[in-house]
N, C-alpha and C. Protein backbone atom coordinates (compact mmCIF):
# COMPACT_ATOMS: atom_id res chain seq x y z
N MET A 1 14.24 28.42 -1.82
CA MET A 1 14.67 28.61 -0.44
C MET A 1 13.44 28.81 0.43
N ALA A 2 13.38 28.10 1.53
CA ALA A 2 12.25 28.21 2.43
C ALA A 2 12.34 29.50 3.22
N HIS A 3 11.25 30.22 3.22
CA HIS A 3 11.16 31.34 4.15
C HIS A 3 9.70 31.62 4.39
N SER A 4 9.42 31.92 5.61
CA SER A 4 8.07 32.29 6.01
C SER A 4 8.23 33.23 7.18
N GLY A 5 7.15 33.88 7.51
CA GLY A 5 7.21 34.78 8.65
C GLY A 5 7.37 34.00 9.94
N THR A 6 7.63 34.71 11.01
CA THR A 6 7.76 34.10 12.33
C THR A 6 6.40 33.54 12.75
N PRO A 7 6.37 32.27 13.16
CA PRO A 7 5.07 31.69 13.53
C PRO A 7 4.52 32.29 14.81
N ARG A 8 3.22 32.30 14.90
CA ARG A 8 2.53 32.76 16.10
C ARG A 8 1.31 31.88 16.30
N TRP A 9 0.77 31.91 17.50
CA TRP A 9 -0.47 31.17 17.75
C TRP A 9 -1.62 31.93 17.10
N ALA A 10 -2.47 31.22 16.39
CA ALA A 10 -3.62 31.82 15.72
C ALA A 10 -4.67 32.22 16.74
N GLY A 11 -5.44 33.24 16.38
CA GLY A 11 -6.57 33.68 17.17
C GLY A 11 -7.86 33.52 16.39
N ALA A 12 -8.96 33.80 17.02
CA ALA A 12 -10.28 33.64 16.38
C ALA A 12 -10.38 34.47 15.09
N ASP A 13 -9.75 35.63 15.05
CA ASP A 13 -9.81 36.48 13.85
C ASP A 13 -9.11 35.85 12.65
N ASP A 14 -8.27 34.85 12.89
CA ASP A 14 -7.51 34.20 11.82
C ASP A 14 -8.28 33.07 11.13
N VAL A 15 -9.43 32.68 11.66
CA VAL A 15 -10.15 31.52 11.12
C VAL A 15 -10.41 31.64 9.62
N PRO A 16 -10.94 32.75 9.09
CA PRO A 16 -11.19 32.81 7.64
C PRO A 16 -9.92 32.61 6.80
N ALA A 17 -8.81 33.23 7.21
CA ALA A 17 -7.57 33.10 6.45
C ALA A 17 -7.03 31.67 6.54
N LEU A 18 -7.16 31.05 7.71
CA LEU A 18 -6.70 29.67 7.87
C LEU A 18 -7.53 28.72 7.01
N LEU A 19 -8.85 28.90 7.02
CA LEU A 19 -9.70 28.04 6.19
C LEU A 19 -9.37 28.20 4.71
N SER A 20 -9.13 29.42 4.29
CA SER A 20 -8.76 29.66 2.90
C SER A 20 -7.48 28.90 2.54
N LEU A 21 -6.49 28.96 3.42
CA LEU A 21 -5.23 28.24 3.19
C LEU A 21 -5.45 26.74 3.15
N VAL A 22 -6.14 26.21 4.15
CA VAL A 22 -6.35 24.76 4.24
C VAL A 22 -7.12 24.24 3.03
N HIS A 23 -8.16 24.95 2.62
CA HIS A 23 -8.93 24.49 1.46
C HIS A 23 -8.10 24.59 0.18
N ALA A 24 -7.29 25.63 0.06
CA ALA A 24 -6.42 25.77 -1.11
C ALA A 24 -5.40 24.63 -1.17
N ALA A 25 -4.86 24.26 -0.02
CA ALA A 25 -3.83 23.22 0.02
C ALA A 25 -4.39 21.83 -0.24
N TYR A 26 -5.64 21.60 0.14
CA TYR A 26 -6.18 20.24 0.07
C TYR A 26 -7.23 20.00 -1.02
N ARG A 27 -8.14 20.96 -1.24
CA ARG A 27 -9.27 20.60 -2.10
C ARG A 27 -9.83 21.70 -2.97
N ALA A 28 -9.45 22.94 -2.84
CA ALA A 28 -10.19 24.03 -3.47
C ALA A 28 -9.65 24.41 -4.85
N GLY A 29 -10.19 23.82 -5.86
CA GLY A 29 -10.00 24.27 -7.23
C GLY A 29 -8.58 24.27 -7.76
N PRO A 30 -8.32 25.21 -8.69
CA PRO A 30 -7.05 25.20 -9.41
C PRO A 30 -5.83 25.40 -8.52
N GLU A 31 -5.95 26.19 -7.45
CA GLU A 31 -4.79 26.40 -6.58
C GLU A 31 -4.39 25.08 -5.92
N SER A 32 -5.37 24.31 -5.47
CA SER A 32 -5.09 23.02 -4.84
C SER A 32 -4.41 22.07 -5.83
N ALA A 33 -4.87 22.08 -7.08
CA ALA A 33 -4.30 21.19 -8.09
C ALA A 33 -2.83 21.47 -8.33
N GLY A 34 -2.37 22.68 -8.01
CA GLY A 34 -0.98 23.03 -8.21
C GLY A 34 -0.05 22.53 -7.14
N GLY A 35 -0.59 22.00 -6.05
CA GLY A 35 0.25 21.52 -4.96
C GLY A 35 0.24 20.01 -4.87
N TRP A 36 1.26 19.45 -4.26
CA TRP A 36 1.32 18.00 -4.17
C TRP A 36 0.54 17.44 -2.98
N THR A 37 0.00 18.30 -2.12
CA THR A 37 -0.76 17.83 -0.97
C THR A 37 -2.26 17.71 -1.24
N THR A 38 -2.69 17.97 -2.46
CA THR A 38 -4.12 17.94 -2.75
C THR A 38 -4.75 16.58 -2.44
N GLU A 39 -5.97 16.64 -1.93
CA GLU A 39 -6.79 15.45 -1.70
C GLU A 39 -8.00 15.44 -2.64
N ALA A 40 -8.01 16.35 -3.60
CA ALA A 40 -9.17 16.53 -4.47
C ALA A 40 -9.55 15.25 -5.22
N HIS A 41 -8.59 14.38 -5.47
CA HIS A 41 -8.88 13.13 -6.15
C HIS A 41 -9.54 12.11 -5.21
N LEU A 42 -9.52 12.38 -3.92
CA LEU A 42 -10.10 11.48 -2.93
C LEU A 42 -11.38 11.99 -2.30
N LEU A 43 -11.48 13.34 -2.17
CA LEU A 43 -12.60 13.94 -1.44
C LEU A 43 -13.05 15.24 -2.10
N ASP A 44 -14.33 15.49 -2.04
CA ASP A 44 -14.89 16.79 -2.41
C ASP A 44 -15.28 17.50 -1.13
N GLY A 45 -15.62 18.77 -1.27
CA GLY A 45 -16.14 19.50 -0.12
C GLY A 45 -15.05 20.10 0.73
N LEU A 46 -15.44 20.50 1.91
CA LEU A 46 -14.56 21.22 2.82
C LEU A 46 -13.60 20.28 3.53
N ARG A 47 -12.45 20.79 3.88
CA ARG A 47 -11.46 20.05 4.69
C ARG A 47 -11.72 20.30 6.17
N ALA A 48 -12.29 21.47 6.49
CA ALA A 48 -12.58 21.84 7.87
C ALA A 48 -13.66 22.92 7.85
N THR A 49 -14.28 23.15 8.99
CA THR A 49 -15.29 24.20 9.12
C THR A 49 -14.79 25.28 10.07
N ASP A 50 -15.48 26.41 10.07
CA ASP A 50 -15.14 27.49 11.00
C ASP A 50 -15.11 26.98 12.44
N ASP A 51 -16.16 26.24 12.82
CA ASP A 51 -16.25 25.75 14.19
C ASP A 51 -15.11 24.80 14.54
N MET A 52 -14.73 23.94 13.60
CA MET A 52 -13.64 23.00 13.85
C MET A 52 -12.32 23.75 14.09
N VAL A 53 -12.04 24.74 13.24
CA VAL A 53 -10.79 25.49 13.37
C VAL A 53 -10.79 26.32 14.65
N LEU A 54 -11.92 26.93 14.97
CA LEU A 54 -12.01 27.71 16.21
C LEU A 54 -11.78 26.82 17.43
N ALA A 55 -12.34 25.60 17.41
CA ALA A 55 -12.12 24.67 18.52
C ALA A 55 -10.64 24.30 18.64
N MET A 56 -9.95 24.14 17.51
CA MET A 56 -8.51 23.85 17.55
C MET A 56 -7.74 25.02 18.16
N ILE A 57 -8.12 26.23 17.76
CA ILE A 57 -7.45 27.44 18.27
C ILE A 57 -7.65 27.58 19.77
N GLU A 58 -8.85 27.25 20.25
CA GLU A 58 -9.20 27.44 21.65
C GLU A 58 -8.84 26.24 22.53
N GLN A 59 -8.25 25.21 21.96
CA GLN A 59 -7.84 24.01 22.71
C GLN A 59 -6.91 24.42 23.85
N PRO A 60 -7.26 24.10 25.11
CA PRO A 60 -6.39 24.52 26.22
C PRO A 60 -4.99 23.90 26.17
N SER A 61 -4.88 22.70 25.64
CA SER A 61 -3.57 22.03 25.54
C SER A 61 -3.13 21.96 24.09
N GLY A 62 -3.12 23.13 23.44
CA GLY A 62 -2.72 23.17 22.04
C GLY A 62 -3.13 24.45 21.38
N GLY A 63 -3.21 24.41 20.07
CA GLY A 63 -3.60 25.56 19.28
C GLY A 63 -3.25 25.35 17.82
N VAL A 64 -3.29 26.43 17.07
CA VAL A 64 -2.95 26.40 15.65
C VAL A 64 -1.81 27.38 15.43
N LEU A 65 -0.70 26.89 14.88
CA LEU A 65 0.41 27.77 14.52
C LEU A 65 0.11 28.42 13.18
N TYR A 66 0.26 29.71 13.13
CA TYR A 66 -0.02 30.54 11.94
C TYR A 66 1.32 31.10 11.47
N TYR A 67 1.67 30.80 10.23
CA TYR A 67 2.89 31.32 9.62
C TYR A 67 2.51 32.40 8.63
N PRO A 68 2.74 33.69 8.95
CA PRO A 68 2.38 34.76 8.02
C PRO A 68 3.25 34.70 6.76
N ASP A 69 2.66 35.04 5.65
CA ASP A 69 3.38 35.08 4.38
C ASP A 69 4.08 36.43 4.28
N PRO A 70 5.41 36.46 4.27
CA PRO A 70 6.11 37.74 4.22
C PRO A 70 5.86 38.49 2.91
N ASP A 71 5.44 37.77 1.87
CA ASP A 71 5.18 38.41 0.58
C ASP A 71 3.75 38.92 0.45
N GLU A 72 2.85 38.42 1.30
CA GLU A 72 1.44 38.81 1.24
C GLU A 72 0.91 38.99 2.66
N PRO A 73 1.16 40.15 3.27
CA PRO A 73 0.68 40.38 4.64
C PRO A 73 -0.82 40.09 4.77
N GLY A 74 -1.17 39.49 5.88
CA GLY A 74 -2.57 39.14 6.13
C GLY A 74 -2.95 37.76 5.65
N ARG A 75 -2.05 37.10 4.94
CA ARG A 75 -2.31 35.74 4.46
C ARG A 75 -1.30 34.78 5.08
N PRO A 76 -1.76 33.65 5.56
CA PRO A 76 -0.80 32.67 6.05
C PRO A 76 -0.18 31.90 4.88
N VAL A 77 1.09 31.57 5.02
CA VAL A 77 1.76 30.72 4.03
C VAL A 77 1.70 29.27 4.49
N ALA A 78 1.53 29.06 5.80
CA ALA A 78 1.47 27.71 6.36
C ALA A 78 0.76 27.74 7.70
N CYS A 79 0.29 26.56 8.12
CA CYS A 79 -0.31 26.42 9.44
C CYS A 79 -0.26 24.95 9.85
N CYS A 80 -0.46 24.71 11.13
CA CYS A 80 -0.63 23.35 11.64
C CYS A 80 -1.33 23.41 12.98
N GLN A 81 -2.06 22.36 13.27
CA GLN A 81 -2.71 22.19 14.57
C GLN A 81 -1.76 21.41 15.47
N LEU A 82 -1.67 21.82 16.71
CA LEU A 82 -0.87 21.09 17.70
C LEU A 82 -1.69 20.86 18.96
N GLU A 83 -1.48 19.69 19.56
CA GLU A 83 -2.03 19.38 20.88
C GLU A 83 -0.96 18.66 21.65
N TRP A 84 -1.00 18.76 22.96
CA TRP A 84 -0.10 18.00 23.82
C TRP A 84 -0.89 17.46 24.99
N HIS A 85 -0.73 16.17 25.20
CA HIS A 85 -1.40 15.47 26.31
C HIS A 85 -0.42 14.45 26.86
N GLY A 86 0.00 14.63 28.09
CA GLY A 86 0.97 13.72 28.68
C GLY A 86 2.27 13.73 27.89
N ASP A 87 2.70 12.55 27.48
CA ASP A 87 3.96 12.45 26.74
C ASP A 87 3.79 12.50 25.23
N THR A 88 2.55 12.75 24.75
CA THR A 88 2.29 12.67 23.32
C THR A 88 1.76 13.98 22.76
N GLY A 89 2.41 14.45 21.70
CA GLY A 89 1.92 15.59 20.94
C GLY A 89 1.14 15.09 19.74
N TYR A 90 0.23 15.91 19.26
CA TYR A 90 -0.55 15.59 18.05
C TYR A 90 -0.34 16.70 17.04
N PHE A 91 -0.10 16.30 15.79
CA PHE A 91 0.14 17.21 14.68
C PHE A 91 -0.95 17.00 13.65
N GLY A 92 -1.68 18.07 13.31
CA GLY A 92 -2.77 17.95 12.33
C GLY A 92 -2.97 19.23 11.56
N MET A 93 -3.96 19.22 10.69
CA MET A 93 -4.34 20.35 9.83
C MET A 93 -3.11 21.10 9.29
N PHE A 94 -2.19 20.36 8.78
CA PHE A 94 -0.94 20.91 8.24
C PHE A 94 -1.20 21.37 6.81
N ALA A 95 -0.89 22.63 6.55
CA ALA A 95 -1.10 23.15 5.20
C ALA A 95 -0.01 24.15 4.85
N VAL A 96 0.43 24.09 3.61
CA VAL A 96 1.35 25.07 3.03
C VAL A 96 0.70 25.53 1.73
N ARG A 97 0.71 26.84 1.50
CA ARG A 97 0.12 27.39 0.28
C ARG A 97 0.71 26.64 -0.92
N PRO A 98 -0.14 26.13 -1.84
CA PRO A 98 0.34 25.30 -2.95
C PRO A 98 1.49 25.91 -3.76
N ALA A 99 1.44 27.20 -4.04
CA ALA A 99 2.50 27.82 -4.83
C ALA A 99 3.84 27.82 -4.10
N ARG A 100 3.83 27.60 -2.80
CA ARG A 100 5.06 27.64 -1.99
C ARG A 100 5.51 26.24 -1.56
N GLN A 101 4.76 25.20 -1.95
CA GLN A 101 5.13 23.84 -1.58
C GLN A 101 6.40 23.42 -2.33
N GLY A 102 7.15 22.54 -1.70
CA GLY A 102 8.37 22.02 -2.31
C GLY A 102 9.59 22.87 -2.06
N GLY A 103 9.45 23.96 -1.30
CA GLY A 103 10.57 24.85 -1.05
C GLY A 103 11.17 24.74 0.34
N GLY A 104 10.70 23.79 1.14
CA GLY A 104 11.27 23.58 2.46
C GLY A 104 10.47 24.15 3.61
N ILE A 105 9.39 24.89 3.33
CA ILE A 105 8.59 25.46 4.42
C ILE A 105 7.97 24.36 5.27
N GLY A 106 7.49 23.31 4.64
CA GLY A 106 6.87 22.21 5.38
C GLY A 106 7.82 21.59 6.38
N LYS A 107 9.07 21.40 5.99
CA LYS A 107 10.07 20.84 6.90
C LYS A 107 10.28 21.76 8.11
N LEU A 108 10.30 23.08 7.85
CA LEU A 108 10.48 24.04 8.94
C LEU A 108 9.29 24.02 9.91
N VAL A 109 8.08 23.94 9.35
CA VAL A 109 6.87 23.90 10.18
C VAL A 109 6.87 22.65 11.04
N LEU A 110 7.17 21.52 10.45
CA LEU A 110 7.18 20.25 11.19
C LEU A 110 8.23 20.29 12.31
N ALA A 111 9.41 20.81 12.03
CA ALA A 111 10.46 20.90 13.06
C ALA A 111 10.03 21.83 14.20
N GLU A 112 9.40 22.94 13.87
CA GLU A 112 8.94 23.86 14.92
C GLU A 112 7.82 23.22 15.73
N ALA A 113 6.93 22.49 15.07
CA ALA A 113 5.85 21.80 15.79
C ALA A 113 6.43 20.79 16.78
N GLU A 114 7.42 20.04 16.33
CA GLU A 114 8.05 19.06 17.21
C GLU A 114 8.73 19.75 18.40
N ARG A 115 9.40 20.86 18.13
CA ARG A 115 10.06 21.62 19.20
C ARG A 115 9.04 22.10 20.22
N ARG A 116 7.92 22.62 19.74
CA ARG A 116 6.92 23.18 20.66
C ARG A 116 6.25 22.12 21.53
N VAL A 117 5.92 20.95 20.96
CA VAL A 117 5.29 19.93 21.81
C VAL A 117 6.32 19.34 22.77
N ALA A 118 7.57 19.23 22.34
CA ALA A 118 8.62 18.74 23.24
C ALA A 118 8.78 19.70 24.42
N ALA A 119 8.63 20.99 24.18
CA ALA A 119 8.72 21.98 25.26
C ALA A 119 7.60 21.80 26.29
N HIS A 120 6.53 21.09 25.90
CA HIS A 120 5.43 20.80 26.83
C HIS A 120 5.57 19.41 27.43
N GLY A 121 6.76 18.81 27.31
CA GLY A 121 7.03 17.53 27.94
C GLY A 121 6.73 16.31 27.10
N CYS A 122 6.38 16.50 25.84
CA CYS A 122 6.07 15.36 24.99
C CYS A 122 7.35 14.66 24.53
N THR A 123 7.32 13.35 24.53
CA THR A 123 8.47 12.56 24.07
C THR A 123 8.20 11.89 22.73
N ARG A 124 6.99 12.12 22.20
CA ARG A 124 6.67 11.61 20.87
C ARG A 124 5.59 12.47 20.22
N MET A 125 5.58 12.46 18.90
CA MET A 125 4.56 13.19 18.13
C MET A 125 3.79 12.14 17.34
N ARG A 126 2.47 12.30 17.31
CA ARG A 126 1.63 11.40 16.51
C ARG A 126 0.79 12.22 15.55
N MET A 127 0.36 11.54 14.50
CA MET A 127 -0.53 12.14 13.50
C MET A 127 -1.29 11.03 12.81
N THR A 128 -2.34 11.40 12.11
CA THR A 128 -3.05 10.45 11.26
C THR A 128 -3.08 11.01 9.85
N VAL A 129 -2.93 10.11 8.88
CA VAL A 129 -2.88 10.48 7.46
C VAL A 129 -3.75 9.48 6.70
N LEU A 130 -4.45 9.96 5.69
CA LEU A 130 -5.23 9.04 4.85
C LEU A 130 -4.29 7.99 4.26
N SER A 131 -4.67 6.74 4.38
CA SER A 131 -3.81 5.65 3.90
C SER A 131 -3.55 5.75 2.40
N ALA A 132 -4.47 6.33 1.66
CA ALA A 132 -4.30 6.48 0.21
C ALA A 132 -3.25 7.53 -0.16
N ARG A 133 -2.80 8.32 0.80
CA ARG A 133 -1.81 9.38 0.57
C ARG A 133 -0.39 8.85 0.77
N THR A 134 -0.02 7.89 -0.04
CA THR A 134 1.29 7.24 0.11
C THR A 134 2.44 8.23 -0.06
N ASP A 135 2.27 9.24 -0.91
CA ASP A 135 3.32 10.25 -1.08
C ASP A 135 3.51 11.07 0.20
N LEU A 136 2.42 11.39 0.86
CA LEU A 136 2.50 12.15 2.11
C LEU A 136 3.08 11.29 3.24
N ILE A 137 2.67 10.04 3.29
CA ILE A 137 3.23 9.12 4.29
C ILE A 137 4.74 8.99 4.07
N ALA A 138 5.18 8.91 2.81
CA ALA A 138 6.62 8.83 2.51
C ALA A 138 7.34 10.10 2.98
N PHE A 139 6.72 11.28 2.81
CA PHE A 139 7.29 12.54 3.29
C PHE A 139 7.56 12.46 4.79
N TYR A 140 6.56 12.00 5.54
CA TYR A 140 6.72 11.91 6.99
C TYR A 140 7.73 10.82 7.39
N ARG A 141 7.75 9.73 6.66
CA ARG A 141 8.73 8.67 6.97
C ARG A 141 10.16 9.19 6.80
N ARG A 142 10.37 10.02 5.79
CA ARG A 142 11.70 10.60 5.58
C ARG A 142 12.09 11.53 6.74
N ARG A 143 11.12 11.96 7.51
CA ARG A 143 11.38 12.84 8.65
C ARG A 143 11.31 12.10 9.98
N GLY A 144 11.39 10.77 9.93
CA GLY A 144 11.50 9.99 11.15
C GLY A 144 10.21 9.41 11.70
N TYR A 145 9.10 9.56 11.01
CA TYR A 145 7.83 9.02 11.47
C TYR A 145 7.67 7.59 10.94
N ASP A 146 7.07 6.74 11.76
CA ASP A 146 6.79 5.37 11.35
C ASP A 146 5.32 5.07 11.59
N THR A 147 4.77 4.22 10.75
CA THR A 147 3.39 3.79 10.96
C THR A 147 3.38 2.86 12.17
N THR A 148 2.28 2.91 12.92
CA THR A 148 2.17 2.10 14.14
C THR A 148 1.36 0.83 13.91
N GLY A 149 0.68 0.74 12.78
CA GLY A 149 -0.23 -0.37 12.54
C GLY A 149 -1.66 -0.04 12.95
N GLU A 150 -1.82 1.06 13.69
CA GLU A 150 -3.16 1.50 14.11
C GLU A 150 -3.83 2.24 12.96
N THR A 151 -5.12 2.00 12.78
CA THR A 151 -5.89 2.71 11.76
C THR A 151 -7.18 3.22 12.39
N GLN A 152 -7.77 4.21 11.73
CA GLN A 152 -9.06 4.76 12.14
C GLN A 152 -9.92 4.85 10.89
N PRO A 153 -11.20 4.58 11.01
CA PRO A 153 -12.07 4.69 9.83
C PRO A 153 -12.28 6.15 9.44
N PHE A 154 -12.48 6.39 8.16
CA PHE A 154 -12.86 7.73 7.71
C PHE A 154 -14.29 7.97 8.19
N PRO A 155 -14.63 9.19 8.63
CA PRO A 155 -15.99 9.47 9.13
C PRO A 155 -17.00 9.67 7.99
N TYR A 156 -17.29 8.57 7.28
CA TYR A 156 -18.27 8.64 6.19
C TYR A 156 -19.60 9.17 6.73
N GLY A 157 -20.24 10.03 5.94
CA GLY A 157 -21.52 10.58 6.33
C GLY A 157 -21.43 11.86 7.14
N ASP A 158 -20.23 12.26 7.53
CA ASP A 158 -20.04 13.50 8.29
C ASP A 158 -19.47 14.55 7.33
N ASP A 159 -20.33 15.41 6.82
CA ASP A 159 -19.93 16.39 5.80
C ASP A 159 -18.89 17.38 6.28
N ARG A 160 -18.66 17.46 7.58
CA ARG A 160 -17.62 18.37 8.08
C ARG A 160 -16.24 17.98 7.58
N PHE A 161 -16.08 16.73 7.16
CA PHE A 161 -14.77 16.24 6.71
C PHE A 161 -14.70 16.04 5.20
N GLY A 162 -15.76 16.42 4.49
CA GLY A 162 -15.77 16.28 3.05
C GLY A 162 -16.60 15.10 2.58
N THR A 163 -16.75 15.03 1.26
CA THR A 163 -17.52 13.97 0.63
C THR A 163 -16.56 13.02 -0.08
N PRO A 164 -16.43 11.80 0.41
CA PRO A 164 -15.47 10.87 -0.18
C PRO A 164 -15.85 10.47 -1.61
N LYS A 165 -14.83 10.29 -2.42
CA LYS A 165 -15.00 9.80 -3.78
C LYS A 165 -14.70 8.30 -3.86
N ARG A 166 -14.27 7.72 -2.73
CA ARG A 166 -13.94 6.31 -2.65
C ARG A 166 -14.55 5.73 -1.38
N ASP A 167 -14.75 4.42 -1.37
CA ASP A 167 -15.34 3.80 -0.18
C ASP A 167 -14.32 3.03 0.66
N ASP A 168 -13.03 3.26 0.39
CA ASP A 168 -11.99 2.51 1.11
C ASP A 168 -11.05 3.41 1.91
N LEU A 169 -11.51 4.61 2.28
CA LEU A 169 -10.63 5.54 2.99
C LEU A 169 -10.50 5.19 4.46
N THR A 170 -9.27 5.19 4.93
CA THR A 170 -8.96 5.01 6.35
C THR A 170 -7.79 5.94 6.68
N PHE A 171 -7.59 6.15 7.96
CA PHE A 171 -6.44 6.91 8.43
C PHE A 171 -5.44 5.94 9.04
N VAL A 172 -4.16 6.17 8.77
CA VAL A 172 -3.10 5.42 9.44
C VAL A 172 -2.44 6.35 10.44
N GLU A 173 -1.98 5.76 11.54
CA GLU A 173 -1.31 6.54 12.56
C GLU A 173 0.21 6.46 12.33
N LEU A 174 0.85 7.62 12.45
CA LEU A 174 2.31 7.70 12.38
C LEU A 174 2.80 8.33 13.68
N VAL A 175 3.96 7.87 14.15
CA VAL A 175 4.53 8.37 15.40
C VAL A 175 6.03 8.54 15.22
N LYS A 176 6.56 9.57 15.88
CA LYS A 176 8.01 9.81 15.89
C LYS A 176 8.43 10.09 17.32
N PRO A 177 9.51 9.42 17.78
CA PRO A 177 10.05 9.79 19.09
C PRO A 177 10.71 11.17 18.99
N LEU A 178 10.56 11.97 20.02
CA LEU A 178 11.16 13.30 20.05
C LEU A 178 12.36 13.30 20.99
N PRO A 179 13.36 14.11 20.70
CA PRO A 179 14.50 14.19 21.61
C PRO A 179 14.05 14.70 22.98
N THR A 180 14.66 14.17 24.02
CA THR A 180 14.29 14.61 25.36
C THR A 180 15.39 15.45 25.97
């Protein structure tokens, strides 16, 4: 059964806990291997830096949603980055603690993210996902997102995004219309 604490906007003091969650969900050792969102087979290194997360938190047209873990106070169970510009919301840095994945928390986070950007006048949500993450793309497709055909190159050589283990990484764009 999905349950998490009431989401709140993250502050600068939350950066270490958010980074711990994001790295655990995507690339950091045995905890990451226990979740289905791991990218460890594609990338080594960090998923984000302190400065990157702080910039997301301080974004004037967005922020980072922090979901406190009711079982472990002081630790987030989930998070996501949100931005809104005109009619389009952006969803990124989505993470759920690996031990809690598969229980419905991700669906709740995504629905709340869509609700929040719609409240800022957005009529669609967009995101980018590594094209090699077909399981993750399928997750989003089941929730109404479609690929647009747009792609972006992976930022090879920029260690802030990790060290690729493959030379064919790209991002695909997914978009979902939001109820108005």
